[in-house]
Amino acid sequence: MGIMSRFFGDGPAAKDNAGGYIDLEEYVSETNTAATEAKMFVRVAEIHRYEEVREFANYVYKGNLLLLDFTPIQNDDVILKRVTGDLKRLVADIGGDIAGLGKTMMIVTPAGVKIDRNRLRVTH
């Protein structure tokens, strides 16, 4: 049984926790098993210095997706332009994609992963 079915009421854990909370500690072993079989990982990172770009670029080169928080450098226009310029060249070289998420986050994708810039809206 998957973790989502437990959250949304298909499993015994959902019935046991009806009206209560779900203890995520129960799912640690299930998550760790799935992680060893994954082909791609999503990493959330925070950049403090320009020199950190290389490490983040290597992560994306290896086929992983990066959510990058640039809050610590948002007021330094020179560093921010250098970081975004390097990341744009990276995704152009490997066939990935890059886009802003809000005011202080960006998403950097590996080869073969494109970002749909249209927001999904549910119509009733």
PDB file of N, CA and C in Angstrom:
ATOM      1  N   MET A   1       0.845  -1.174   0.000  1.00  0.00           N
ATOM      2  CA  MET A   1       0.000   0.000   0.000  1.00  0.00           C
ATOM      3  C   MET A   1       0.887   1.233   0.000  1.00  0.00           C
ATOM      4  N   GLY A   2       0.567   2.217  -0.844  1.00  0.00           N
ATOM      5  CA  GLY A   2       1.381   3.411  -0.967  1.00  0.00           C
ATOM      6  C   GLY A   2       1.035   4.462   0.066  1.00  0.00           C
ATOM      7  N   ILE A   3       1.925   5.395   0.201  1.00  0.00           N
ATOM      8  CA  ILE A   3       1.747   6.466   1.182  1.00  0.00           C
ATOM      9  C   ILE A   3       0.545   7.336   0.838  1.00  0.00           C
ATOM     10  N   MET A   4       0.307   7.575  -0.445  1.00  0.00           N
ATOM     11  CA  MET A   4      -0.809   8.441  -0.833  1.00  0.00           C
ATOM     12  C   MET A   4      -2.150   7.814  -0.478  1.00  0.00           C
ATOM     13  N   SER A   5      -2.261   6.502  -0.641  1.00  0.00           N
ATOM     14  CA  SER A   5      -3.529   5.868  -0.291  1.00  0.00           C
ATOM     15  C   SER A   5      -3.784   5.969   1.208  1.00  0.00           C
ATOM     16  N   ARG A   6      -2.728   5.996   1.990  1.00  0.00           N
ATOM     17  CA  ARG A   6      -2.900   6.169   3.436  1.00  0.00           C
ATOM     18  C   ARG A   6      -3.368   7.577   3.761  1.00  0.00           C
ATOM     19  N   PHE A   7      -2.869   8.567   3.015  1.00  0.00           N
ATOM     20  CA  PHE A   7      -3.287   9.940   3.254  1.00  0.00           C
ATOM     21  C   PHE A   7      -4.740  10.167   2.871  1.00  0.00           C
ATOM     22  N   PHE A   8      -5.155   9.567   1.768  1.00  0.00           N
ATOM     23  CA  PHE A   8      -6.463   9.872   1.226  1.00  0.00           C
ATOM     24  C   PHE A   8      -7.536   8.858   1.562  1.00  0.00           C
ATOM     25  N   GLY A   9      -7.265   7.963   2.497  1.00  0.00           N
ATOM     26  CA  GLY A   9      -8.335   7.164   3.052  1.00  0.00           C
ATOM     27  C   GLY A   9      -8.544   5.783   2.487  1.00  0.00           C
ATOM     28  N   ASP A  10      -7.623   5.235   1.695  1.00  0.00           N
ATOM     29  CA  ASP A  10      -7.824   3.907   1.151  1.00  0.00           C
ATOM     30  C   ASP A  10      -7.246   2.800   2.012  1.00  0.00           C
ATOM     31  N   GLY A  11      -6.460   3.156   3.023  1.00  0.00           N
ATOM     32  CA  GLY A  11      -5.775   2.117   3.783  1.00  0.00           C
ATOM     33  C   GLY A  11      -6.135   2.131   5.246  1.00  0.00           C
ATOM     34  N   PRO A  12      -5.636   1.120   5.982  1.00  0.00           N
ATOM     35  CA  PRO A  12      -5.952   1.018   7.393  1.00  0.00           C
ATOM     36  C   PRO A  12      -5.433   2.183   8.216  1.00  0.00           C
ATOM     37  N   ALA A  13      -4.293   2.755   7.833  1.00  0.00           N
ATOM     38  CA  ALA A  13      -3.752   3.883   8.592  1.00  0.00           C
ATOM     39  C   ALA A  13      -4.702   5.069   8.546  1.00  0.00           C
ATOM     40  N   ALA A  14      -5.356   5.269   7.403  1.00  0.00           N
ATOM     41  CA  ALA A  14      -6.304   6.374   7.278  1.00  0.00           C
ATOM     42  C   ALA A  14      -7.515   6.137   8.175  1.00  0.00           C
ATOM     43  N   LYS A  15      -7.967   4.898   8.275  1.00  0.00           N
ATOM     44  CA  LYS A  15      -9.109   4.582   9.125  1.00  0.00           C
ATOM     45  C   LYS A  15      -8.734   4.735  10.591  1.00  0.00           C
ATOM     46  N   ASP A  16      -7.514   4.337  10.955  1.00  0.00           N
ATOM     47  CA  ASP A  16      -7.057   4.459  12.333  1.00  0.00           C
ATOM     48  C   ASP A  16      -6.921   5.916  12.742  1.00  0.00           C
ATOM     49  N   ASN A  17      -6.563   6.773  11.818  1.00  0.00           N
ATOM     50  CA  ASN A  17      -6.311   8.170  12.119  1.00  0.00           C
ATOM     51  C   ASN A  17      -7.465   9.075  11.707  1.00  0.00           C
ATOM     52  N   ALA A  18      -8.638   8.539  11.530  1.00  0.00           N
ATOM     53  CA  ALA A  18      -9.770   9.347  11.108  1.00  0.00           C
ATOM     54  C   ALA A  18      -9.948  10.506  12.087  1.00  0.00           C
ATOM     55  N   GLY A  19      -9.904  11.719  11.571  1.00  0.00           N
ATOM     56  CA  GLY A  19     -10.056  12.903  12.389  1.00  0.00           C
ATOM     57  C   GLY A  19      -8.792  13.300  13.127  1.00  0.00           C
ATOM     58  N   GLY A  20      -7.725  12.514  13.036  1.00  0.00           N
ATOM     59  CA  GLY A  20      -6.472  12.815  13.726  1.00  0.00           C
ATOM     60  C   GLY A  20      -5.395  13.201  12.751  1.00  0.00           C
ATOM     61  N   TYR A  21      -4.160  13.010  13.157  1.00  0.00           N
ATOM     62  CA  TYR A  21      -3.037  13.334  12.293  1.00  0.00           C
ATOM     63  C   TYR A  21      -2.387  12.051  11.788  1.00  0.00           C
ATOM     64  N   ILE A  22      -1.554  12.178  10.794  1.00  0.00           N
ATOM     65  CA  ILE A  22      -0.815  11.047  10.253  1.00  0.00           C
ATOM     66  C   ILE A  22       0.634  11.200  10.666  1.00  0.00           C
ATOM     67  N   ASP A  23       1.172  10.197  11.332  1.00  0.00           N
ATOM     68  CA  ASP A  23       2.560  10.223  11.769  1.00  0.00           C
ATOM     69  C   ASP A  23       3.445   9.792  10.615  1.00  0.00           C
ATOM     70  N   LEU A  24       4.210  10.722  10.043  1.00  0.00           N
ATOM     71  CA  LEU A  24       5.045  10.425   8.876  1.00  0.00           C
ATOM     72  C   LEU A  24       6.233   9.540   9.219  1.00  0.00           C
ATOM     73  N   GLU A  25       6.582   9.412  10.479  1.00  0.00           N
ATOM     74  CA  GLU A  25       7.680   8.527  10.880  1.00  0.00           C
ATOM     75  C   GLU A  25       7.403   7.090  10.468  1.00  0.00           C
ATOM     76  N   GLU A  26       6.130   6.703  10.368  1.00  0.00           N
ATOM     77  CA  GLU A  26       5.767   5.343   9.967  1.00  0.00           C
ATOM     78  C   GLU A  26       6.219   5.033   8.543  1.00  0.00           C
ATOM     79  N   TYR A  27       6.403   6.053   7.737  1.00  0.00           N
ATOM     80  CA  TYR A  27       6.663   5.859   6.323  1.00  0.00           C
ATOM     81  C   TYR A  27       8.129   6.008   5.935  1.00  0.00           C
ATOM     82  N   VAL A  28       9.017   6.198   6.902  1.00  0.00           N
ATOM     83  CA  VAL A  28      10.430   6.412   6.613  1.00  0.00           C
ATOM     84  C   VAL A  28      11.030   5.231   5.867  1.00  0.00           C
ATOM     85  N   SER A  29      10.793   4.023   6.313  1.00  0.00           N
ATOM     86  CA  SER A  29      11.391   2.854   5.646  1.00  0.00           C
ATOM     87  C   SER A  29      10.830   2.683   4.247  1.00  0.00           C
ATOM     88  N   GLU A  30       9.544   2.952   4.052  1.00  0.00           N
ATOM     89  CA  GLU A  30       8.938   2.855   2.730  1.00  0.00           C
ATOM     90  C   GLU A  30       9.560   3.876   1.783  1.00  0.00           C
ATOM     91  N   THR A  31       9.778   5.095   2.252  1.00  0.00           N
ATOM     92  CA  THR A  31      10.373   6.155   1.440  1.00  0.00           C
ATOM     93  C   THR A  31      11.819   5.830   1.100  1.00  0.00           C
ATOM     94  N   ASN A  32      12.591   5.336   2.058  1.00  0.00           N
ATOM     95  CA  ASN A  32      13.990   5.004   1.804  1.00  0.00           C
ATOM     96  C   ASN A  32      14.123   3.897   0.771  1.00  0.00           C
ATOM     97  N   THR A  33      13.237   2.918   0.782  1.00  0.00           N
ATOM     98  CA  THR A  33      13.273   1.844  -0.211  1.00  0.00           C
ATOM     99  C   THR A  33      13.005   2.401  -1.602  1.00  0.00           C
ATOM    100  N   ALA A  34      12.033   3.273  -1.729  1.00  0.00           N
ATOM    101  CA  ALA A  34      11.698   3.857  -3.029  1.00  0.00           C
ATOM    102  C   ALA A  34      12.842   4.736  -3.530  1.00  0.00           C
ATOM    103  N   ALA A  35      13.524   5.439  -2.631  1.00  0.00           N
ATOM    104  CA  ALA A  35      14.599   6.345  -3.036  1.00  0.00           C
ATOM    105  C   ALA A  35      15.772   5.595  -3.656  1.00  0.00           C
ATOM    106  N   THR A  36      16.057   4.399  -3.203  1.00  0.00           N
ATOM    107  CA  THR A  36      17.185   3.666  -3.764  1.00  0.00           C
ATOM    108  C   THR A  36      16.885   3.179  -5.171  1.00  0.00           C
ATOM    109  N   GLU A  37      15.610   3.120  -5.534  1.00  0.00           N
ATOM    110  CA  GLU A  37      15.216   2.666  -6.859  1.00  0.00           C
ATOM    111  C   GLU A  37      14.930   3.825  -7.817  1.00  0.00           C
ATOM    112  N   ALA A  38      14.976   5.040  -7.344  1.00  0.00           N
ATOM    113  CA  ALA A  38      14.626   6.200  -8.167  1.00  0.00           C
ATOM    114  C   ALA A  38      15.696   6.486  -9.215  1.00  0.00           C
ATOM    115  N   LYS A  39      15.246   6.960 -10.375  1.00  0.00           N
ATOM    116  CA  LYS A  39      16.150   7.346 -11.453  1.00  0.00           C
ATOM    117  C   LYS A  39      16.461   8.840 -11.403  1.00  0.00           C
ATOM    118  N   MET A  40      15.585   9.605 -10.757  1.00  0.00           N
ATOM    119  CA  MET A  40      15.751  11.038 -10.648  1.00  0.00           C
ATOM    120  C   MET A  40      15.387  11.460  -9.232  1.00  0.00           C
ATOM    121  N   PHE A  41      16.129  12.436  -8.727  1.00  0.00           N
ATOM    122  CA  PHE A  41      15.837  12.993  -7.422  1.00  0.00           C
ATOM    123  C   PHE A  41      15.510  14.470  -7.559  1.00  0.00           C
ATOM    124  N   VAL A  42      14.739  14.987  -6.628  1.00  0.00           N
ATOM    125  CA  VAL A  42      14.440  16.406  -6.548  1.00  0.00           C
ATOM    126  C   VAL A  42      15.140  16.923  -5.304  1.00  0.00           C
ATOM    127  N   ARG A  43      15.965  17.934  -5.490  1.00  0.00           N
ATOM    128  CA  ARG A  43      16.707  18.486  -4.359  1.00  0.00           C
ATOM    129  C   ARG A  43      16.348  19.955  -4.216  1.00  0.00           C
ATOM    130  N   VAL A  44      16.134  20.378  -2.975  1.00  0.00           N
ATOM    131  CA  VAL A  44      15.908  21.776  -2.653  1.00  0.00           C
ATOM    132  C   VAL A  44      17.220  22.307  -2.090  1.00  0.00           C
ATOM    133  N   ALA A  45      17.704  23.404  -2.658  1.00  0.00           N
ATOM    134  CA  ALA A  45      18.997  23.962  -2.241  1.00  0.00           C
ATOM    135  C   ALA A  45      18.865  25.459  -2.041  1.00  0.00           C
ATOM    136  N   GLU A  46      19.817  25.993  -1.294  1.00  0.00           N
ATOM    137  CA  GLU A  46      19.887  27.431  -1.057  1.00  0.00           C
ATOM    138  C   GLU A  46      21.287  27.879  -1.431  1.00  0.00           C
ATOM    139  N   ILE A  47      21.367  28.897  -2.262  1.00  0.00           N
ATOM    140  CA  ILE A  47      22.680  29.372  -2.709  1.00  0.00           C
ATOM    141  C   ILE A  47      23.066  30.631  -1.927  1.00  0.00           C
ATOM    142  N   HIS A  48      24.306  30.608  -1.412  1.00  0.00           N
ATOM    143  CA  HIS A  48      24.822  31.732  -0.631  1.00  0.00           C
ATOM    144  C   HIS A  48      25.944  32.458  -1.342  1.00  0.00           C
ATOM    145  N   ARG A  49      26.686  31.735  -2.193  1.00  0.00           N
ATOM    146  CA  ARG A  49      27.838  32.318  -2.896  1.00  0.00           C
ATOM    147  C   ARG A  49      27.847  31.816  -4.333  1.00  0.00           C
ATOM    148  N   TYR A  50      28.441  32.606  -5.215  1.00  0.00           N
ATOM    149  CA  TYR A  50      28.539  32.229  -6.625  1.00  0.00           C
ATOM    150  C   TYR A  50      29.278  30.899  -6.789  1.00  0.00           C
ATOM    151  N   GLU A  51      30.270  30.647  -5.975  1.00  0.00           N
ATOM    152  CA  GLU A  51      31.094  29.442  -6.094  1.00  0.00           C
ATOM    153  C   GLU A  51      30.301  28.154  -5.906  1.00  0.00           C
ATOM    154  N   GLU A  52      29.112  28.226  -5.346  1.00  0.00           N
ATOM    155  CA  GLU A  52      28.282  27.035  -5.133  1.00  0.00           C
ATOM    156  C   GLU A  52      27.580  26.568  -6.405  1.00  0.00           C
ATOM    157  N   VAL A  53      27.579  27.402  -7.441  1.00  0.00           N
ATOM    158  CA  VAL A  53      26.887  27.055  -8.689  1.00  0.00           C
ATOM    159  C   VAL A  53      27.409  25.739  -9.264  1.00  0.00           C
ATOM    160  N   ARG A  54      28.706  25.526  -9.220  1.00  0.00           N
ATOM    161  CA  ARG A  54      29.306  24.323  -9.804  1.00  0.00           C
ATOM    162  C   ARG A  54      28.727  23.051  -9.184  1.00  0.00           C
ATOM    163  N   GLU A  55      28.601  23.023  -7.859  1.00  0.00           N
ATOM    164  CA  GLU A  55      28.054  21.839  -7.191  1.00  0.00           C
ATOM    165  C   GLU A  55      26.605  21.599  -7.608  1.00  0.00           C
ATOM    166  N   PHE A  56      25.824  22.672  -7.686  1.00  0.00           N
ATOM    167  CA  PHE A  56      24.427  22.537  -8.102  1.00  0.00           C
ATOM    168  C   PHE A  56      24.337  22.108  -9.564  1.00  0.00           C
ATOM    169  N   ALA A  57      25.221  22.620 -10.398  1.00  0.00           N
ATOM    170  CA  ALA A  57      25.238  22.241 -11.813  1.00  0.00           C
ATOM    171  C   ALA A  57      25.547  20.752 -11.960  1.00  0.00           C
ATOM    172  N   ASN A  58      26.489  20.239 -11.198  1.00  0.00           N
ATOM    173  CA  ASN A  58      26.808  18.807 -11.250  1.00  0.00           C
ATOM    174  C   ASN A  58      25.602  17.958 -10.883  1.00  0.00           C
ATOM    175  N   TYR A  59      24.838  18.401  -9.936  1.00  0.00           N
ATOM    176  CA  TYR A  59      23.631  17.679  -9.534  1.00  0.00           C
ATOM    177  C   TYR A  59      22.658  17.575 -10.709  1.00  0.00           C
ATOM    178  N   VAL A  60      22.469  18.677 -11.435  1.00  0.00           N
ATOM    179  CA  VAL A  60      21.556  18.682 -12.580  1.00  0.00           C
ATOM    180  C   VAL A  60      22.146  17.877 -13.744  1.00  0.00           C
ATOM    181  N   TYR A  61      23.458  17.985 -13.959  1.00  0.00           N
ATOM    182  CA  TYR A  61      24.122  17.192 -15.002  1.00  0.00           C
ATOM    183  C   TYR A  61      23.875  15.705 -14.809  1.00  0.00           C
ATOM    184  N   LYS A  62      23.777  15.279 -13.574  1.00  0.00           N
ATOM    185  CA  LYS A  62      23.567  13.860 -13.265  1.00  0.00           C
ATOM    186  C   LYS A  62      22.115  13.421 -13.451  1.00  0.00           C
ATOM    187  N   GLY A  63      21.253  14.346 -13.934  1.00  0.00           N
ATOM    188  CA  GLY A  63      19.879  13.975 -14.257  1.00  0.00           C
ATOM    189  C   GLY A  63      18.872  14.242 -13.163  1.00  0.00           C
ATOM    190  N   ASN A  64      19.203  15.101 -12.232  1.00  0.00           N
ATOM    191  CA  ASN A  64      18.300  15.398 -11.131  1.00  0.00           C
ATOM    192  C   ASN A  64      17.710  16.801 -11.266  1.00  0.00           C
ATOM    193  N   LEU A  65      16.597  17.016 -10.594  1.00  0.00           N
ATOM    194  CA  LEU A  65      15.887  18.284 -10.648  1.00  0.00           C
ATOM    195  C   LEU A  65      16.255  19.107  -9.423  1.00  0.00           C
ATOM    196  N   LEU A  66      16.453  20.400  -9.611  1.00  0.00           N
ATOM    197  CA  LEU A  66      16.893  21.282  -8.538  1.00  0.00           C
ATOM    198  C   LEU A  66      15.894  22.408  -8.331  1.00  0.00           C
ATOM    199  N   LEU A  67      15.447  22.571  -7.099  1.00  0.00           N
ATOM    200  CA  LEU A  67      14.671  23.737  -6.684  1.00  0.00           C
ATOM    201  C   LEU A  67      15.627  24.615  -5.906  1.00  0.00           C
ATOM    202  N   LEU A  68      15.963  25.760  -6.461  1.00  0.00           N
ATOM    203  CA  LEU A  68      17.014  26.602  -5.899  1.00  0.00           C
ATOM    204  C   LEU A  68      16.435  27.867  -5.273  1.00  0.00           C
ATOM    205  N   ASP A  69      16.676  28.033  -3.994  1.00  0.00           N
ATOM    206  CA  ASP A  69      16.266  29.232  -3.260  1.00  0.00           C
ATOM    207  C   ASP A  69      17.434  30.217  -3.302  1.00  0.00           C
ATOM    208  N   PHE A  70      17.226  31.358  -3.921  1.00  0.00           N
ATOM    209  CA  PHE A  70      18.295  32.347  -4.030  1.00  0.00           C
ATOM    210  C   PHE A  70      18.055  33.555  -3.124  1.00  0.00           C
ATOM    211  N   THR A  71      17.285  33.371  -2.062  1.00  0.00           N
ATOM    212  CA  THR A  71      17.020  34.442  -1.106  1.00  0.00           C
ATOM    213  C   THR A  71      18.297  35.090  -0.574  1.00  0.00           C
ATOM    214  N   PRO A  72      19.333  34.295  -0.199  1.00  0.00           N
ATOM    215  CA  PRO A  72      20.538  34.925   0.351  1.00  0.00           C
ATOM    216  C   PRO A  72      21.269  35.857  -0.617  1.00  0.00           C
ATOM    217  N   ILE A  73      21.078  35.695  -1.930  1.00  0.00           N
ATOM    218  CA  ILE A  73      21.778  36.549  -2.892  1.00  0.00           C
ATOM    219  C   ILE A  73      20.834  37.458  -3.681  1.00  0.00           C
ATOM    220  N   GLN A  74      19.576  37.503  -3.311  1.00  0.00           N
ATOM    221  CA  GLN A  74      18.589  38.243  -4.102  1.00  0.00           C
ATOM    222  C   GLN A  74      18.878  39.735  -4.207  1.00  0.00           C
ATOM    223  N   ASN A  75      19.574  40.298  -3.245  1.00  0.00           N
ATOM    224  CA  ASN A  75      19.862  41.739  -3.280  1.00  0.00           C
ATOM    225  C   ASN A  75      21.185  42.075  -3.946  1.00  0.00           C
ATOM    226  N   ASP A  76      21.949  41.070  -4.345  1.00  0.00           N
ATOM    227  CA  ASP A  76      23.226  41.285  -5.025  1.00  0.00           C
ATOM    228  C   ASP A  76      23.024  41.007  -6.517  1.00  0.00           C
ATOM    229  N   ASP A  77      22.704  42.049  -7.272  1.00  0.00           N
ATOM    230  CA  ASP A  77      22.356  41.893  -8.684  1.00  0.00           C
ATOM    231  C   ASP A  77      23.467  41.248  -9.505  1.00  0.00           C
ATOM    232  N   VAL A  78      24.711  41.559  -9.208  1.00  0.00           N
ATOM    233  CA  VAL A  78      25.835  41.025  -9.979  1.00  0.00           C
ATOM    234  C   VAL A  78      25.923  39.512  -9.808  1.00  0.00           C
ATOM    235  N   ILE A  79      25.902  39.047  -8.571  1.00  0.00           N
ATOM    236  CA  ILE A  79      25.988  37.598  -8.320  1.00  0.00           C
ATOM    237  C   ILE A  79      24.762  36.889  -8.864  1.00  0.00           C
ATOM    238  N   LEU A  80      23.593  37.464  -8.668  1.00  0.00           N
ATOM    239  CA  LEU A  80      22.361  36.837  -9.147  1.00  0.00           C
ATOM    240  C   LEU A  80      22.374  36.694 -10.665  1.00  0.00           C
ATOM    241  N   LYS A  81      22.844  37.700 -11.380  1.00  0.00           N
ATOM    242  CA  LYS A  81      22.929  37.615 -12.841  1.00  0.00           C
ATOM    243  C   LYS A  81      23.941  36.562 -13.278  1.00  0.00           C
ATOM    244  N   ARG A  82      25.069  36.473 -12.570  1.00  0.00           N
ATOM    245  CA  ARG A  82      26.072  35.450 -12.902  1.00  0.00           C
ATOM    246  C   ARG A  82      25.516  34.046 -12.668  1.00  0.00           C
ATOM    247  N   VAL A  83      24.842  33.852 -11.554  1.00  0.00           N
ATOM    248  CA  VAL A  83      24.267  32.535 -11.229  1.00  0.00           C
ATOM    249  C   VAL A  83      23.225  32.144 -12.261  1.00  0.00           C
ATOM    250  N   THR A  84      22.285  33.049 -12.547  1.00  0.00           N
ATOM    251  CA  THR A  84      21.238  32.709 -13.511  1.00  0.00           C
ATOM    252  C   THR A  84      21.814  32.529 -14.908  1.00  0.00           C
ATOM    253  N   GLY A  85      22.805  33.325 -15.267  1.00  0.00           N
ATOM    254  CA  GLY A  85      23.449  33.161 -16.578  1.00  0.00           C
ATOM    255  C   GLY A  85      24.112  31.796 -16.712  1.00  0.00           C
ATOM    256  N   ASP A  86      24.847  31.386 -15.683  1.00  0.00           N
ATOM    257  CA  ASP A  86      25.499  30.069 -15.708  1.00  0.00           C
ATOM    258  C   ASP A  86      24.477  28.946 -15.784  1.00  0.00           C
ATOM    259  N   LEU A  87      23.398  29.067 -15.011  1.00  0.00           N
ATOM    260  CA  LEU A  87      22.380  28.010 -15.017  1.00  0.00           C
ATOM    261  C   LEU A  87      21.635  27.964 -16.352  1.00  0.00           C
ATOM    262  N   LYS A  88      21.415  29.110 -16.976  1.00  0.00           N
ATOM    263  CA  LYS A  88      20.776  29.135 -18.300  1.00  0.00           C
ATOM    264  C   LYS A  88      21.667  28.451 -19.340  1.00  0.00           C
ATOM    265  N   ARG A  89      22.983  28.712 -19.277  1.00  0.00           N
ATOM    266  CA  ARG A  89      23.909  28.033 -20.196  1.00  0.00           C
ATOM    267  C   ARG A  89      23.918  26.527 -19.942  1.00  0.00           C
ATOM    268  N   LEU A  90      23.867  26.136 -18.681  1.00  0.00           N
ATOM    269  CA  LEU A  90      23.830  24.718 -18.324  1.00  0.00           C
ATOM    270  C   LEU A  90      22.645  24.017 -18.963  1.00  0.00           C
ATOM    271  N   VAL A  91      21.437  24.563 -18.775  1.00  0.00           N
ATOM    272  CA  VAL A  91      20.256  23.894 -19.312  1.00  0.00           C
ATOM    273  C   VAL A  91      20.230  23.933 -20.829  1.00  0.00           C
ATOM    274  N   ALA A  92      20.797  24.967 -21.434  1.00  0.00           N
ATOM    275  CA  ALA A  92      20.892  25.010 -22.897  1.00  0.00           C
ATOM    276  C   ALA A  92      21.827  23.915 -23.401  1.00  0.00           C
ATOM    277  N   ASP A  93      22.930  23.685 -22.689  1.00  0.00           N
ATOM    278  CA  ASP A  93      23.898  22.654 -23.074  1.00  0.00           C
ATOM    279  C   ASP A  93      23.329  21.246 -22.964  1.00  0.00           C
ATOM    280  N   ILE A  94      22.547  20.996 -21.923  1.00  0.00           N
ATOM    281  CA  ILE A  94      22.088  19.627 -21.671  1.00  0.00           C
ATOM    282  C   ILE A  94      20.666  19.355 -22.149  1.00  0.00           C
ATOM    283  N   GLY A  95      19.951  20.388 -22.593  1.00  0.00           N
ATOM    284  CA  GLY A  95      18.578  20.190 -23.044  1.00  0.00           C
ATOM    285  C   GLY A  95      17.588  20.155 -21.900  1.00  0.00           C
ATOM    286  N   GLY A  96      17.914  20.851 -20.819  1.00  0.00           N
ATOM    287  CA  GLY A  96      16.998  20.951 -19.681  1.00  0.00           C
ATOM    288  C   GLY A  96      16.184  22.226 -19.770  1.00  0.00           C
ATOM    289  N   ASP A  97      15.775  22.745 -18.620  1.00  0.00           N
ATOM    290  CA  ASP A  97      14.955  23.953 -18.600  1.00  0.00           C
ATOM    291  C   ASP A  97      15.167  24.670 -17.274  1.00  0.00           C
ATOM    292  N   ILE A  98      14.816  25.944 -17.242  1.00  0.00           N
ATOM    293  CA  ILE A  98      14.925  26.751 -16.033  1.00  0.00           C
ATOM    294  C   ILE A  98      13.779  27.747 -16.014  1.00  0.00           C
ATOM    295  N   ALA A  99      13.223  27.987 -14.815  1.00  0.00           N
ATOM    296  CA  ALA A  99      12.136  28.956 -14.679  1.00  0.00           C
ATOM    297  C   ALA A  99      12.094  29.453 -13.247  1.00  0.00           C
ATOM    298  N   GLY A 100      11.570  30.657 -13.081  1.00  0.00           N
ATOM    299  CA  GLY A 100      11.392  31.216 -11.754  1.00  0.00           C
ATOM    300  C   GLY A 100      10.131  30.672 -11.119  1.00  0.00           C
ATOM    301  N   LEU A 101      10.197  30.497  -9.804  1.00  0.00           N
ATOM    302  CA  LEU A 101       9.035  30.097  -9.004  1.00  0.00           C
ATOM    303  C   LEU A 101       8.882  31.145  -7.904  1.00  0.00           C
ATOM    304  N   GLY A 102       7.978  32.057  -8.077  1.00  0.00           N
ATOM    305  CA  GLY A 102       7.845  33.114  -7.095  1.00  0.00           C
ATOM    306  C   GLY A 102       8.976  34.113  -7.220  1.00  0.00           C
ATOM    307  N   LYS A 103       9.259  34.819  -6.129  1.00  0.00           N
ATOM    308  CA  LYS A 103      10.245  35.892  -6.166  1.00  0.00           C
ATOM    309  C   LYS A 103      11.655  35.440  -5.825  1.00  0.00           C
ATOM    310  N   THR A 104      11.799  34.306  -5.144  1.00  0.00           N
ATOM    311  CA  THR A 104      13.139  33.922  -4.691  1.00  0.00           C
ATOM    312  C   THR A 104      13.468  32.453  -4.937  1.00  0.00           C
ATOM    313  N   MET A 105      12.744  31.805  -5.827  1.00  0.00           N
ATOM    314  CA  MET A 105      13.010  30.400  -6.127  1.00  0.00           C
ATOM    315  C   MET A 105      13.095  30.220  -7.637  1.00  0.00           C
ATOM    316  N   MET A 106      13.898  29.230  -8.044  1.00  0.00           N
ATOM    317  CA  MET A 106      13.917  28.831  -9.446  1.00  0.00           C
ATOM    318  C   MET A 106      13.982  27.312  -9.506  1.00  0.00           C
ATOM    319  N   ILE A 107      13.510  26.782 -10.603  1.00  0.00           N
ATOM    320  CA  ILE A 107      13.567  25.351 -10.835  1.00  0.00           C
ATOM    321  C   ILE A 107      14.510  25.125 -12.017  1.00  0.00           C
ATOM    322  N   VAL A 108      15.414  24.156 -11.860  1.00  0.00           N
ATOM    323  CA  VAL A 108      16.383  23.816 -12.894  1.00  0.00           C
ATOM    324  C   VAL A 108      16.214  22.330 -13.177  1.00  0.00           C
ATOM    325  N   THR A 109      15.902  22.003 -14.432  1.00  0.00           N
ATOM    326  CA  THR A 109      15.613  20.614 -14.768  1.00  0.00           C
ATOM    327  C   THR A 109      16.715  20.006 -15.623  1.00  0.00           C
ATOM    328  N   PRO A 110      16.859  18.693 -15.547  1.00  0.00           N
ATOM    329  CA  PRO A 110      17.876  17.998 -16.344  1.00  0.00           C
ATOM    330  C   PRO A 110      17.407  17.775 -17.780  1.00  0.00           C
ATOM    331  N   ALA A 111      18.236  17.110 -18.537  1.00  0.00           N
ATOM    332  CA  ALA A 111      17.922  16.791 -19.938  1.00  0.00           C
ATOM    333  C   ALA A 111      16.582  16.071 -20.033  1.00  0.00           C
ATOM    334  N   GLY A 112      15.798  16.479 -21.017  1.00  0.00           N
ATOM    335  CA  GLY A 112      14.542  15.800 -21.286  1.00  0.00           C
ATOM    336  C   GLY A 112      13.377  16.208 -20.415  1.00  0.00           C
ATOM    337  N   VAL A 113      13.574  17.133 -19.490  1.00  0.00           N
ATOM    338  CA  VAL A 113      12.488  17.588 -18.617  1.00  0.00           C
ATOM    339  C   VAL A 113      12.230  19.058 -18.909  1.00  0.00           C
ATOM    340  N   LYS A 114      11.040  19.363 -19.373  1.00  0.00           N
ATOM    341  CA  LYS A 114      10.662  20.743 -19.682  1.00  0.00           C
ATOM    342  C   LYS A 114       9.628  21.229 -18.682  1.00  0.00           C
ATOM    343  N   ILE A 115       9.607  22.522 -18.452  1.00  0.00           N
ATOM    344  CA  ILE A 115       8.697  23.145 -17.497  1.00  0.00           C
ATOM    345  C   ILE A 115       7.522  23.736 -18.262  1.00  0.00           C
ATOM    346  N   ASP A 116       6.314  23.347 -17.895  1.00  0.00           N
ATOM    347  CA  ASP A 116       5.114  23.919 -18.478  1.00  0.00           C
ATOM    348  C   ASP A 116       4.813  25.196 -17.698  1.00  0.00           C
ATOM    349  N   ARG A 117       4.874  26.324 -18.366  1.00  0.00           N
ATOM    350  CA  ARG A 117       4.714  27.600 -17.690  1.00  0.00           C
ATOM    351  C   ARG A 117       3.265  28.031 -17.542  1.00  0.00           C
ATOM    352  N   ASN A 118       2.344  27.208 -17.989  1.00  0.00           N
ATOM    353  CA  ASN A 118       0.916  27.496 -17.807  1.00  0.00           C
ATOM    354  C   ASN A 118       0.455  26.904 -16.488  1.00  0.00           C
ATOM    355  N   ARG A 119      -0.195  27.723 -15.690  1.00  0.00           N
ATOM    356  CA  ARG A 119      -0.711  27.238 -14.407  1.00  0.00           C
ATOM    357  C   ARG A 119      -1.966  26.415 -14.627  1.00  0.00           C
ATOM    358  N   LEU A 120      -2.054  25.334 -13.900  1.00  0.00           N
ATOM    359  CA  LEU A 120      -3.252  24.523 -13.943  1.00  0.00           C
ATOM    360  C   LEU A 120      -4.321  25.191 -13.109  1.00  0.00           C
ATOM    361  N   ARG A 121      -5.502  25.245 -13.642  1.00  0.00           N
ATOM    362  CA  ARG A 121      -6.632  25.817 -12.927  1.00  0.00           C
ATOM    363  C   ARG A 121      -7.772  24.806 -12.978  1.00  0.00           C
ATOM    364  N   VAL A 122      -8.362  24.575 -11.840  1.00  0.00           N
ATOM    365  CA  VAL A 122      -9.501  23.670 -11.773  1.00  0.00           C
ATOM    366  C   VAL A 122     -10.756  24.488 -12.011  1.00  0.00           C
ATOM    367  N   THR A 123     -11.556  24.050 -12.955  1.00  0.00           N
ATOM    368  CA  THR A 123     -12.808  24.727 -13.226  1.00  0.00           C
ATOM    369  C   THR A 123     -13.947  23.887 -12.672  1.00  0.00           C
ATOM    370  N   HIS A 124     -14.863  24.554 -12.058  1.00  0.00           N
ATOM    371  CA  HIS A 124     -15.997  23.844 -11.424  1.00  0.00           C
ATOM    372  C   HIS A 124     -17.222  23.950 -12.265  1.00  0.00           C
TER     373      HIS A 124
END
